[in-house]
Amino acid sequence: MFTKTMKWVSIAVLLLAVLWRLTASSQVLLEIVVCVSGLLVVTQAVRAGKYFWAAGFVAIAVLFNPVVPGAFSRKAFLWLGSVSLLTFLVSLAVSRRQTILSMPSRTDRAAGSESL
């Protein structure tokens, strides 16, 4: 649930960044939010065995890392921000479509079972 919330936060921040010109302080906040969200999605994807998604979000986390920020032109930043925004949106749509398997009931005892 936390990862899904962070995806939505990243989508909102990236959308604002693409639509408006950011100041230096808001650029750092954008980098932190997107990098952390990307890393959360990476861990979720690796646990699910979806290494293609993990590789894509590693690239996003590296591009938006706040430790060694990349110096992009406005045009390059708009392109990268848009691609990252679409990637987060697609990952939400894909994760929403996955079916959740039900857990077996603990109260449904198998025939012939006895309590200890």
Protein backbone atom coordinates (compact mmCIF):
# COMPACT_ATOMS: atom_id res chain seq x y z
CA MET A 1 0.00 0.00 0.00
CA PHE A 2 2.86 2.37 0.81
CA THR A 3 4.43 1.73 -2.58
CA LYS A 4 1.15 2.52 -4.32
CA THR A 5 0.87 5.78 -2.37
CA MET A 6 4.43 6.72 -3.28
CA LYS A 7 3.67 5.99 -6.94
CA TRP A 8 0.75 8.43 -6.81
CA VAL A 9 2.89 11.05 -5.06
CA SER A 10 5.58 10.63 -7.72
CA ILE A 11 3.01 10.99 -10.47
CA ALA A 12 1.72 14.22 -8.95
CA VAL A 13 5.22 15.65 -8.44
CA LEU A 14 6.36 14.69 -11.94
CA LEU A 15 3.23 16.17 -13.44
CA LEU A 16 3.87 19.45 -11.64
CA ALA A 17 7.51 19.38 -12.69
CA VAL A 18 6.63 18.83 -16.34
CA LEU A 19 3.99 21.57 -16.36
CA TRP A 20 5.86 24.24 -14.38
CA ARG A 21 9.46 25.31 -14.12
CA LEU A 22 10.94 24.21 -10.79
CA THR A 23 13.11 26.15 -8.39
CA ALA A 24 16.30 24.60 -7.02
CA SER A 25 14.71 23.60 -3.70
CA SER A 26 11.68 22.02 -5.37
CA GLN A 27 13.98 20.23 -7.81
CA VAL A 28 15.71 18.52 -4.87
CA LEU A 29 12.33 17.52 -3.41
CA LEU A 30 11.32 16.10 -6.78
CA GLU A 31 14.53 14.08 -7.01
CA ILE A 32 14.09 12.67 -3.50
CA VAL A 33 10.44 11.68 -4.02
CA VAL A 34 10.98 10.11 -7.44
CA CYS A 35 14.18 8.30 -6.42
CA VAL A 36 12.63 6.83 -3.26
CA SER A 37 9.49 5.81 -5.15
CA GLY A 38 11.58 4.22 -7.86
CA LEU A 39 13.57 2.24 -5.30
CA LEU A 40 10.37 1.06 -3.61
CA VAL A 41 9.02 -0.14 -6.95
CA VAL A 42 12.35 -1.86 -7.64
CA THR A 43 12.12 -3.86 -4.41
CA GLN A 44 8.48 -4.72 -5.12
CA ALA A 45 9.31 -5.80 -8.68
CA VAL A 46 12.26 -7.94 -7.61
CA ARG A 47 10.13 -9.71 -4.99
CA ALA A 48 7.53 -10.42 -7.68
CA GLY A 49 10.20 -11.64 -10.11
CA LYS A 50 9.49 -8.86 -12.63
CA TYR A 51 13.06 -7.93 -13.48
CA PHE A 52 12.16 -5.87 -16.56
CA TRP A 53 10.16 -3.48 -14.37
CA ALA A 54 12.95 -3.47 -11.80
CA ALA A 55 15.51 -2.47 -14.44
CA GLY A 56 13.30 0.35 -15.69
CA PHE A 57 12.78 1.77 -12.22
CA VAL A 58 16.48 1.44 -11.38
CA ALA A 59 17.11 3.70 -14.38
CA ILE A 60 14.51 6.19 -13.08
CA ALA A 61 16.03 6.12 -9.59
CA VAL A 62 19.51 6.74 -11.02
CA LEU A 63 18.34 9.60 -13.25
CA PHE A 64 16.53 11.33 -10.40
CA ASN A 65 18.94 10.58 -7.57
CA PRO A 66 19.53 13.56 -5.25
CA VAL A 67 23.10 12.54 -4.34
CA VAL A 68 24.59 13.03 -7.81
CA PRO A 69 21.96 15.05 -9.68
CA GLY A 70 22.10 15.11 -13.44
CA ALA A 71 22.29 18.44 -15.21
CA PHE A 72 19.65 18.19 -17.92
CA SER A 73 18.47 20.83 -20.32
CA ARG A 74 14.82 21.84 -20.00
CA LYS A 75 13.93 19.84 -23.12
CA ALA A 76 15.72 16.71 -21.86
CA PHE A 77 14.15 17.11 -18.43
CA LEU A 78 10.67 17.39 -19.96
CA TRP A 79 11.27 14.25 -21.99
CA LEU A 80 12.68 12.27 -19.02
CA GLY A 81 9.95 13.52 -16.70
CA SER A 82 7.23 12.57 -19.17
CA VAL A 83 8.65 9.09 -19.74
CA SER A 84 9.01 8.57 -15.98
CA LEU A 85 5.47 9.81 -15.40
CA LEU A 86 4.12 7.38 -17.99
CA THR A 87 6.16 4.55 -16.49
CA PHE A 88 4.67 5.16 -13.04
CA LEU A 89 1.16 5.33 -14.54
CA VAL A 90 1.61 2.08 -16.47
CA SER A 91 3.01 0.33 -13.40
CA LEU A 92 -0.08 1.37 -11.44
CA ALA A 93 -2.37 0.10 -14.18
CA VAL A 94 -0.51 -3.22 -14.41
CA SER A 95 -0.46 -3.73 -10.65
CA ARG A 96 -4.19 -2.96 -10.46
CA ARG A 97 -5.00 -5.69 -13.01
CA GLN A 98 -3.24 -8.43 -11.08
CA THR A 99 -5.70 -10.75 -9.41
CA ILE A 100 -5.42 -11.35 -5.73
CA LEU A 101 -5.65 -15.01 -4.84
CA SER A 102 -7.78 -15.83 -1.86
CA MET A 103 -6.28 -17.47 1.18
CA PRO A 104 -7.56 -20.93 2.17
CA SER A 105 -9.94 -20.83 5.08
CA ARG A 106 -8.61 -21.89 8.47
CA THR A 107 -12.06 -22.88 9.64
CA ASP A 108 -12.68 -25.31 6.77
CA ARG A 109 -11.30 -28.52 8.15
CA ALA A 110 -10.27 -31.29 5.83
CA ALA A 111 -12.26 -34.52 6.09
CA GLY A 112 -10.82 -36.88 8.66
CA SER A 113 -8.66 -34.33 10.43
CA GLU A 114 -8.50 -34.35 14.16
CA SER A 115 -7.44 -31.76 16.65
CA LEU A 116 -4.46 -32.47 18.81
